[in-house]
mmCIF file of all heavy atoms, coordinates in Angstrom:
data_MODEL
# 
_entry.id   MODEL 
# 
loop_
_atom_site.group_PDB 
_atom_site.id 
_atom_site.type_symbol 
_atom_site.label_atom_id 
_atom_site.label_alt_id 
_atom_site.label_comp_id 
_atom_site.label_asym_id 
_atom_site.label_entity_id 
_atom_site.label_seq_id 
_atom_site.pdbx_PDB_ins_code 
_atom_site.Cartn_x 
_atom_site.Cartn_y 
_atom_site.Cartn_z 
_atom_site.occupancy 
_atom_site.B_iso_or_equiv 
_atom_site.pdbx_formal_charge 
_atom_site.auth_seq_id 
_atom_site.auth_comp_id 
_atom_site.auth_asym_id 
_atom_site.auth_atom_id 
_atom_site.pdbx_PDB_model_num 
ATOM 1   N N   . ARG A 1 1  ? 0.855   -1.180 -0.013  1.00 0.00 ? 1  ARG A N   1 
ATOM 2   C CA  . ARG A 1 1  ? -0.025  0.004  -0.022  1.00 0.00 ? 1  ARG A CA  1 
ATOM 3   C C   . ARG A 1 1  ? 0.897   1.239  -0.002  1.00 0.00 ? 1  ARG A C   1 
ATOM 4   O O   . ARG A 1 1  ? 1.678   1.468  0.937   1.00 0.00 ? 1  ARG A O   1 
ATOM 5   C CB  . ARG A 1 1  ? -0.916  0.034  1.225   1.00 0.00 ? 1  ARG A CB  1 
ATOM 6   C CG  . ARG A 1 1  ? -2.001  1.152  1.164   1.00 0.00 ? 1  ARG A CG  1 
ATOM 7   C CD  . ARG A 1 1  ? -2.583  1.329  2.520   1.00 0.00 ? 1  ARG A CD  1 
ATOM 8   N NE  . ARG A 1 1  ? -3.808  2.110  2.453   1.00 0.00 ? 1  ARG A NE  1 
ATOM 9   C CZ  . ARG A 1 1  ? -4.303  2.760  3.512   1.00 0.00 ? 1  ARG A CZ  1 
ATOM 10  N NH1 . ARG A 1 1  ? -3.722  2.734  4.674   1.00 0.00 ? 1  ARG A NH1 1 
ATOM 11  N NH2 . ARG A 1 1  ? -5.474  3.443  3.385   1.00 0.00 ? 1  ARG A NH2 1 
ATOM 12  N N   . LEU A 1 2  ? 0.779   2.039  -1.038  1.00 0.00 ? 2  LEU A N   1 
ATOM 13  C CA  . LEU A 1 2  ? 1.550   3.279  -1.107  1.00 0.00 ? 2  LEU A CA  1 
ATOM 14  C C   . LEU A 1 2  ? 0.699   4.450  -0.611  1.00 0.00 ? 2  LEU A C   1 
ATOM 15  O O   . LEU A 1 2  ? -0.512  4.423  -0.730  1.00 0.00 ? 2  LEU A O   1 
ATOM 16  C CB  . LEU A 1 2  ? 1.954   3.513  -2.551  1.00 0.00 ? 2  LEU A CB  1 
ATOM 17  C CG  . LEU A 1 2  ? 2.736   2.443  -3.304  1.00 0.00 ? 2  LEU A CG  1 
ATOM 18  C CD1 . LEU A 1 2  ? 3.134   2.917  -4.660  1.00 0.00 ? 2  LEU A CD1 1 
ATOM 19  C CD2 . LEU A 1 2  ? 3.917   1.993  -2.479  1.00 0.00 ? 2  LEU A CD2 1 
ATOM 20  N N   . SER A 1 3  ? 1.388   5.453  -0.090  1.00 0.00 ? 3  SER A N   1 
ATOM 21  C CA  . SER A 1 3  ? 0.734   6.664  0.382   1.00 0.00 ? 3  SER A CA  1 
ATOM 22  C C   . SER A 1 3  ? 1.387   7.844  -0.288  1.00 0.00 ? 3  SER A C   1 
ATOM 23  O O   . SER A 1 3  ? 2.559   7.869  -0.585  1.00 0.00 ? 3  SER A O   1 
ATOM 24  C CB  . SER A 1 3  ? 0.863   6.778  1.893   1.00 0.00 ? 3  SER A CB  1 
ATOM 25  O OG  . SER A 1 3  ? 0.230   5.749  2.562   1.00 0.00 ? 3  SER A OG  1 
ATOM 26  N N   . CYS A 1 4  ? 0.550   8.910  -0.486  1.00 0.00 ? 4  CYS A N   1 
ATOM 27  C CA  . CYS A 1 4  ? 1.045   10.175 -1.019  1.00 0.00 ? 4  CYS A CA  1 
ATOM 28  C C   . CYS A 1 4  ? 0.468   11.280 -0.148  1.00 0.00 ? 4  CYS A C   1 
ATOM 29  O O   . CYS A 1 4  ? -0.729  11.481 -0.089  1.00 0.00 ? 4  CYS A O   1 
ATOM 30  C CB  . CYS A 1 4  ? 0.521   10.338 -2.469  1.00 0.00 ? 4  CYS A CB  1 
ATOM 31  S SG  . CYS A 1 4  ? 0.729   11.996 -3.136  1.00 0.00 ? 4  CYS A SG  1 
ATOM 32  N N   . ALA A 1 5  ? 1.368   11.906 0.583   1.00 0.00 ? 5  ALA A N   1 
ATOM 33  C CA  . ALA A 1 5  ? 0.947   12.980 1.484   1.00 0.00 ? 5  ALA A CA  1 
ATOM 34  C C   . ALA A 1 5  ? 1.260   14.315 0.862   1.00 0.00 ? 5  ALA A C   1 
ATOM 35  O O   . ALA A 1 5  ? 2.367   14.565 0.393   1.00 0.00 ? 5  ALA A O   1 
ATOM 36  C CB  . ALA A 1 5  ? 1.679   12.842 2.826   1.00 0.00 ? 5  ALA A CB  1 
ATOM 37  N N   . ALA A 1 6  ? 0.239   15.227 0.843   1.00 0.00 ? 6  ALA A N   1 
ATOM 38  C CA  . ALA A 1 6  ? 0.436   16.531 0.259   1.00 0.00 ? 6  ALA A CA  1 
ATOM 39  C C   . ALA A 1 6  ? 0.563   17.562 1.337   1.00 0.00 ? 6  ALA A C   1 
ATOM 40  O O   . ALA A 1 6  ? -0.065  17.448 2.425   1.00 0.00 ? 6  ALA A O   1 
ATOM 41  C CB  . ALA A 1 6  ? -0.768  16.890 -0.624  1.00 0.00 ? 6  ALA A CB  1 
ATOM 42  N N   . SER A 1 7  ? 1.318   18.608 1.096   1.00 0.00 ? 7  SER A N   1 
ATOM 43  C CA  . SER A 1 7  ? 1.531   19.674 2.080   1.00 0.00 ? 7  SER A CA  1 
ATOM 44  C C   . SER A 1 7  ? 0.432   20.697 2.075   1.00 0.00 ? 7  SER A C   1 
ATOM 45  O O   . SER A 1 7  ? 0.472   21.658 2.833   1.00 0.00 ? 7  SER A O   1 
ATOM 46  C CB  . SER A 1 7  ? 2.879   20.321 1.874   1.00 0.00 ? 7  SER A CB  1 
ATOM 47  O OG  . SER A 1 7  ? 2.943   20.961 0.601   1.00 0.00 ? 7  SER A OG  1 
ATOM 48  N N   . VAL A 1 8  ? -0.529  20.518 1.170   1.00 0.00 ? 8  VAL A N   1 
ATOM 49  C CA  . VAL A 1 8  ? -1.698  21.408 1.114   1.00 0.00 ? 8  VAL A CA  1 
ATOM 50  C C   . VAL A 1 8  ? -2.975  20.536 1.162   1.00 0.00 ? 8  VAL A C   1 
ATOM 51  O O   . VAL A 1 8  ? -2.893  19.319 0.853   1.00 0.00 ? 8  VAL A O   1 
ATOM 52  C CB  . VAL A 1 8  ? -1.724  22.307 -0.148  1.00 0.00 ? 8  VAL A CB  1 
ATOM 53  C CG1 . VAL A 1 8  ? -0.547  23.224 -0.140  1.00 0.00 ? 8  VAL A CG1 1 
ATOM 54  C CG2 . VAL A 1 8  ? -1.724  21.389 -1.397  1.00 0.00 ? 8  VAL A CG2 1 
ATOM 55  N N   . SER A 1 9  ? -4.071  21.157 1.436   1.00 0.00 ? 9  SER A N   1 
ATOM 56  C CA  . SER A 1 9  ? -5.305  20.414 1.424   1.00 0.00 ? 9  SER A CA  1 
ATOM 57  C C   . SER A 1 9  ? -5.637  19.968 -0.012  1.00 0.00 ? 9  SER A C   1 
ATOM 58  O O   . SER A 1 9  ? -5.533  20.752 -0.934  1.00 0.00 ? 9  SER A O   1 
ATOM 59  C CB  . SER A 1 9  ? -6.437  21.322 1.938   1.00 0.00 ? 9  SER A CB  1 
ATOM 60  O OG  . SER A 1 9  ? -7.686  20.654 1.731   1.00 0.00 ? 9  SER A OG  1 
ATOM 61  N N   . ILE A 1 10 ? -5.996  18.701 -0.118  1.00 0.00 ? 10 ILE A N   1 
ATOM 62  C CA  . ILE A 1 10 ? -6.372  18.212 -1.459  1.00 0.00 ? 10 ILE A CA  1 
ATOM 63  C C   . ILE A 1 10 ? -7.864  18.225 -1.673  1.00 0.00 ? 10 ILE A C   1 
ATOM 64  O O   . ILE A 1 10 ? -8.332  17.733 -2.686  1.00 0.00 ? 10 ILE A O   1 
ATOM 65  C CB  . ILE A 1 10 ? -5.812  16.797 -1.704  1.00 0.00 ? 10 ILE A CB  1 
ATOM 66  C CG1 . ILE A 1 10 ? -6.441  15.772 -0.749  1.00 0.00 ? 10 ILE A CG1 1 
ATOM 67  C CG2 . ILE A 1 10 ? -4.283  16.775 -1.566  1.00 0.00 ? 10 ILE A CG2 1 
ATOM 68  C CD1 . ILE A 1 10 ? -6.098  14.327 -1.122  1.00 0.00 ? 10 ILE A CD1 1 
ATOM 69  N N   . PHE A 1 11 ? -8.557  18.792 -0.714  1.00 0.00 ? 11 PHE A N   1 
ATOM 70  C CA  . PHE A 1 11 ? -10.044 18.731 -0.778  1.00 0.00 ? 11 PHE A CA  1 
ATOM 71  C C   . PHE A 1 11 ? -10.529 19.345 -2.057  1.00 0.00 ? 11 PHE A C   1 
ATOM 72  O O   . PHE A 1 11 ? -11.453 18.871 -2.681  1.00 0.00 ? 11 PHE A O   1 
ATOM 73  C CB  . PHE A 1 11 ? -10.626 19.459 0.416   1.00 0.00 ? 11 PHE A CB  1 
ATOM 74  C CG  . PHE A 1 11 ? -12.116 19.466 0.420   1.00 0.00 ? 11 PHE A CG  1 
ATOM 75  C CD1 . PHE A 1 11 ? -12.821 18.335 0.815   1.00 0.00 ? 11 PHE A CD1 1 
ATOM 76  C CD2 . PHE A 1 11 ? -12.851 20.552 0.040   1.00 0.00 ? 11 PHE A CD2 1 
ATOM 77  C CE1 . PHE A 1 11 ? -14.201 18.321 0.819   1.00 0.00 ? 11 PHE A CE1 1 
ATOM 78  C CE2 . PHE A 1 11 ? -14.231 20.564 0.029   1.00 0.00 ? 11 PHE A CE2 1 
ATOM 79  C CZ  . PHE A 1 11 ? -14.891 19.437 0.416   1.00 0.00 ? 11 PHE A CZ  1 
ATOM 80  N N   . SER A 1 12 ? -9.899  20.454 -2.469  1.00 0.00 ? 12 SER A N   1 
ATOM 81  C CA  . SER A 1 12 ? -10.411 21.178 -3.639  1.00 0.00 ? 12 SER A CA  1 
ATOM 82  C C   . SER A 1 12 ? -9.674  20.784 -4.940  1.00 0.00 ? 12 SER A C   1 
ATOM 83  O O   . SER A 1 12 ? -9.997  21.287 -5.993  1.00 0.00 ? 12 SER A O   1 
ATOM 84  C CB  . SER A 1 12 ? -10.258 22.681 -3.442  1.00 0.00 ? 12 SER A CB  1 
ATOM 85  O OG  . SER A 1 12 ? -8.896  23.019 -3.214  1.00 0.00 ? 12 SER A OG  1 
ATOM 86  N N   . ILE A 1 13 ? -8.705  19.883 -4.775  1.00 0.00 ? 13 ILE A N   1 
ATOM 87  C CA  . ILE A 1 13 ? -7.960  19.487 -5.994  1.00 0.00 ? 13 ILE A CA  1 
ATOM 88  C C   . ILE A 1 13 ? -8.785  18.528 -6.789  1.00 0.00 ? 13 ILE A C   1 
ATOM 89  O O   . ILE A 1 13 ? -9.482  17.685 -6.258  1.00 0.00 ? 13 ILE A O   1 
ATOM 90  C CB  . ILE A 1 13 ? -6.638  18.821 -5.585  1.00 0.00 ? 13 ILE A CB  1 
ATOM 91  C CG1 . ILE A 1 13 ? -5.715  19.854 -4.901  1.00 0.00 ? 13 ILE A CG1 1 
ATOM 92  C CG2 . ILE A 1 13 ? -5.923  18.260 -6.778  1.00 0.00 ? 13 ILE A CG2 1 
ATOM 93  C CD1 . ILE A 1 13 ? -4.425  19.229 -4.393  1.00 0.00 ? 13 ILE A CD1 1 
ATOM 94  N N   . GLY A 1 14 ? -8.755  18.688 -8.094  1.00 0.00 ? 14 GLY A N   1 
ATOM 95  C CA  . GLY A 1 14 ? -9.568  17.817 -8.911  1.00 0.00 ? 14 GLY A CA  1 
ATOM 96  C C   . GLY A 1 14 ? -8.981  16.394 -8.991  1.00 0.00 ? 14 GLY A C   1 
ATOM 97  O O   . GLY A 1 14 ? -8.896  15.724 -7.989  1.00 0.00 ? 14 GLY A O   1 
ATOM 98  N N   . THR A 1 15 ? -8.583  15.989 -10.205 1.00 0.00 ? 15 THR A N   1 
ATOM 99  C CA  . THR A 1 15 ? -8.160  14.635 -10.331 1.00 0.00 ? 15 THR A CA  1 
ATOM 100 C C   . THR A 1 15 ? -6.703  14.470 -9.944  1.00 0.00 ? 15 THR A C   1 
ATOM 101 O O   . THR A 1 15 ? -5.839  15.180 -10.423 1.00 0.00 ? 15 THR A O   1 
ATOM 102 C CB  . THR A 1 15 ? -8.336  14.196 -11.818 1.00 0.00 ? 15 THR A CB  1 
ATOM 103 O OG1 . THR A 1 15 ? -9.745  14.327 -12.194 1.00 0.00 ? 15 THR A OG1 1 
ATOM 104 C CG2 . THR A 1 15 ? -7.891  12.772 -12.022 1.00 0.00 ? 15 THR A CG2 1 
ATOM 105 N N   . MET A 1 16 ? -6.457  13.496 -9.061  1.00 0.00 ? 16 MET A N   1 
ATOM 106 C CA  . MET A 1 16 ? -5.108  13.123 -8.671  1.00 0.00 ? 16 MET A CA  1 
ATOM 107 C C   . MET A 1 16 ? -4.705  11.832 -9.302  1.00 0.00 ? 16 MET A C   1 
ATOM 108 O O   . MET A 1 16 ? -5.621  11.059 -9.735  1.00 0.00 ? 16 MET A O   1 
ATOM 109 C CB  . MET A 1 16 ? -4.987  13.089 -7.163  1.00 0.00 ? 16 MET A CB  1 
ATOM 110 C CG  . MET A 1 16 ? -5.279  14.433 -6.530  1.00 0.00 ? 16 MET A CG  1 
ATOM 111 S SD  . MET A 1 16 ? -4.761  14.490 -4.777  1.00 0.00 ? 16 MET A SD  1 
ATOM 112 C CE  . MET A 1 16 ? -2.997  14.439 -4.944  1.00 0.00 ? 16 MET A CE  1 
ATOM 113 N N   . ALA A 1 17 ? -3.425  11.526 -9.313  1.00 0.00 ? 17 ALA A N   1 
ATOM 114 C CA  . ALA A 1 17 ? -2.979  10.355 -10.058 1.00 0.00 ? 17 ALA A CA  1 
ATOM 115 C C   . ALA A 1 17 ? -1.715  9.767  -9.485  1.00 0.00 ? 17 ALA A C   1 
ATOM 116 O O   . ALA A 1 17 ? -0.932  10.459 -8.827  1.00 0.00 ? 17 ALA A O   1 
ATOM 117 C CB  . ALA A 1 17 ? -2.734  10.739 -11.526 1.00 0.00 ? 17 ALA A CB  1 
ATOM 118 N N   . TRP A 1 18 ? -1.565  8.489  -9.729  1.00 0.00 ? 18 TRP A N   1 
ATOM 119 C CA  . TRP A 1 18 ? -0.319  7.785  -9.481  1.00 0.00 ? 18 TRP A CA  1 
ATOM 120 C C   . TRP A 1 18 ? 0.362   7.484  -10.810 1.00 0.00 ? 18 TRP A C   1 
ATOM 121 O O   . TRP A 1 18 ? -0.327  7.124  -11.792 1.00 0.00 ? 18 TRP A O   1 
ATOM 122 C CB  . TRP A 1 18 ? -0.558  6.466  -8.766  1.00 0.00 ? 18 TRP A CB  1 
ATOM 123 C CG  . TRP A 1 18 ? -0.840  6.601  -7.315  1.00 0.00 ? 18 TRP A CG  1 
ATOM 124 C CD1 . TRP A 1 18 ? -2.026  6.597  -6.653  1.00 0.00 ? 18 TRP A CD1 1 
ATOM 125 C CD2 . TRP A 1 18 ? 0.175   6.729  -6.249  1.00 0.00 ? 18 TRP A CD2 1 
ATOM 126 N NE1 . TRP A 1 18 ? -1.863  6.758  -5.301  1.00 0.00 ? 18 TRP A NE1 1 
ATOM 127 C CE2 . TRP A 1 18 ? -0.506  6.804  -5.056  1.00 0.00 ? 18 TRP A CE2 1 
ATOM 128 C CE3 . TRP A 1 18 ? 1.553   6.802  -6.256  1.00 0.00 ? 18 TRP A CE3 1 
ATOM 129 C CZ2 . TRP A 1 18 ? 0.138   6.984  -3.806  1.00 0.00 ? 18 TRP A CZ2 1 
ATOM 130 C CZ3 . TRP A 1 18 ? 2.209   6.923  -5.076  1.00 0.00 ? 18 TRP A CZ3 1 
ATOM 131 C CH2 . TRP A 1 18 ? 1.524   7.028  -3.863  1.00 0.00 ? 18 TRP A CH2 1 
ATOM 132 N N   . TYR A 1 19 ? 1.671   7.667  -10.814 1.00 0.00 ? 19 TYR A N   1 
ATOM 133 C CA  . TYR A 1 19 ? 2.468   7.373  -11.993 1.00 0.00 ? 19 TYR A CA  1 
ATOM 134 C C   . TYR A 1 19 ? 3.563   6.412  -11.586 1.00 0.00 ? 19 TYR A C   1 
ATOM 135 O O   . TYR A 1 19 ? 3.908   6.267  -10.381 1.00 0.00 ? 19 TYR A O   1 
ATOM 136 C CB  . TYR A 1 19 ? 3.135   8.648  -12.494 1.00 0.00 ? 19 TYR A CB  1 
ATOM 137 C CG  . TYR A 1 19 ? 2.173   9.772  -12.909 1.00 0.00 ? 19 TYR A CG  1 
ATOM 138 C CD1 . TYR A 1 19 ? 1.610   10.559 -11.946 1.00 0.00 ? 19 TYR A CD1 1 
ATOM 139 C CD2 . TYR A 1 19 ? 1.815   9.961  -14.247 1.00 0.00 ? 19 TYR A CD2 1 
ATOM 140 C CE1 . TYR A 1 19 ? 0.728   11.614 -12.320 1.00 0.00 ? 19 TYR A CE1 1 
ATOM 141 C CE2 . TYR A 1 19 ? 0.990   10.969 -14.592 1.00 0.00 ? 19 TYR A CE2 1 
ATOM 142 C CZ  . TYR A 1 19 ? 0.429   11.797 -13.605 1.00 0.00 ? 19 TYR A CZ  1 
ATOM 143 O OH  . TYR A 1 19 ? -0.463  12.806 -13.988 1.00 0.00 ? 19 TYR A OH  1 
ATOM 144 N N   . ARG A 1 20 ? 4.230   5.752  -12.566 1.00 0.00 ? 20 ARG A N   1 
ATOM 145 C CA  . ARG A 1 20 ? 5.396   4.943  -12.252 1.00 0.00 ? 20 ARG A CA  1 
ATOM 146 C C   . ARG A 1 20 ? 6.386   5.022  -13.384 1.00 0.00 ? 20 ARG A C   1 
ATOM 147 O O   . ARG A 1 20 ? 6.033   5.243  -14.526 1.00 0.00 ? 20 ARG A O   1 
ATOM 148 C CB  . ARG A 1 20 ? 5.005   3.498  -11.938 1.00 0.00 ? 20 ARG A CB  1 
ATOM 149 C CG  . ARG A 1 20 ? 4.480   2.714  -13.118 1.00 0.00 ? 20 ARG A CG  1 
ATOM 150 C CD  . ARG A 1 20 ? 4.026   1.340  -12.664 1.00 0.00 ? 20 ARG A CD  1 
ATOM 151 N NE  . ARG A 1 20 ? 3.560   0.478  -13.771 1.00 0.00 ? 20 ARG A NE  1 
ATOM 152 C CZ  . ARG A 1 20 ? 2.959   -0.665 -13.614 1.00 0.00 ? 20 ARG A CZ  1 
ATOM 153 N NH1 . ARG A 1 20 ? 2.764   -1.180 -12.371 1.00 0.00 ? 20 ARG A NH1 1 
ATOM 154 N NH2 . ARG A 1 20 ? 2.572   -1.407 -14.673 1.00 0.00 ? 20 ARG A NH2 1 
ATOM 155 N N   . GLN A 1 21 ? 7.649   4.846  -12.994 1.00 0.00 ? 21 GLN A N   1 
ATOM 156 C CA  . GLN A 1 21 ? 8.737   4.865  -13.986 1.00 0.00 ? 21 GLN A CA  1 
ATOM 157 C C   . GLN A 1 21 ? 9.658   3.690  -13.724 1.00 0.00 ? 21 GLN A C   1 
ATOM 158 O O   . GLN A 1 21 ? 10.302  3.596  -12.692 1.00 0.00 ? 21 GLN A O   1 
ATOM 159 C CB  . GLN A 1 21 ? 9.505   6.172  -13.891 1.00 0.00 ? 21 GLN A CB  1 
ATOM 160 C CG  . GLN A 1 21 ? 10.559  6.328  -14.980 1.00 0.00 ? 21 GLN A CG  1 
ATOM 161 C CD  . GLN A 1 21 ? 11.127  7.743  -15.059 1.00 0.00 ? 21 GLN A CD  1 
ATOM 162 O OE1 . GLN A 1 21 ? 10.987  8.517  -14.115 1.00 0.00 ? 21 GLN A OE1 1 
ATOM 163 N NE2 . GLN A 1 21 ? 11.739  8.057  -16.168 1.00 0.00 ? 21 GLN A NE2 1 
ATOM 164 N N   . ALA A 1 22 ? 9.644   2.783  -14.687 1.00 0.00 ? 22 ALA A N   1 
ATOM 165 C CA  . ALA A 1 22 ? 10.540  1.586  -14.592 1.00 0.00 ? 22 ALA A CA  1 
ATOM 166 C C   . ALA A 1 22 ? 11.894  2.003  -15.195 1.00 0.00 ? 22 ALA A C   1 
ATOM 167 O O   . ALA A 1 22 ? 11.995  2.925  -15.970 1.00 0.00 ? 22 ALA A O   1 
ATOM 168 C CB  . ALA A 1 22 ? 9.942   0.426  -15.380 1.00 0.00 ? 22 ALA A CB  1 
ATOM 169 N N   . PRO A 1 23 ? 12.949  1.225  -14.838 1.00 0.00 ? 23 PRO A N   1 
ATOM 170 C CA  . PRO A 1 23 ? 14.274  1.531  -15.333 1.00 0.00 ? 23 PRO A CA  1 
ATOM 171 C C   . PRO A 1 23 ? 14.299  1.599  -16.867 1.00 0.00 ? 23 PRO A C   1 
ATOM 172 O O   . PRO A 1 23 ? 13.814  0.667  -17.549 1.00 0.00 ? 23 PRO A O   1 
ATOM 173 C CB  . PRO A 1 23 ? 15.116  0.381  -14.798 1.00 0.00 ? 23 PRO A CB  1 
ATOM 174 C CG  . PRO A 1 23 ? 14.405  -0.106 -13.604 1.00 0.00 ? 23 PRO A CG  1 
ATOM 175 C CD  . PRO A 1 23 ? 12.943  0.108  -13.876 1.00 0.00 ? 23 PRO A CD  1 
ATOM 176 N N   . GLY A 1 24 ? 14.845  2.656  -17.418 1.00 0.00 ? 24 GLY A N   1 
ATOM 177 C CA  . GLY A 1 24 ? 14.976  2.781  -18.854 1.00 0.00 ? 24 GLY A CA  1 
ATOM 178 C C   . GLY A 1 24 ? 13.712  3.172  -19.584 1.00 0.00 ? 24 GLY A C   1 
ATOM 179 O O   . GLY A 1 24 ? 13.704  3.178  -20.818 1.00 0.00 ? 24 GLY A O   1 
# 
């Protein structure tokens, strides 16, 4: 289980996303 903590309130933020980058 991954977590993403933001330093601002995300209440008003629209769409959030997870991304990933594999080697190369």
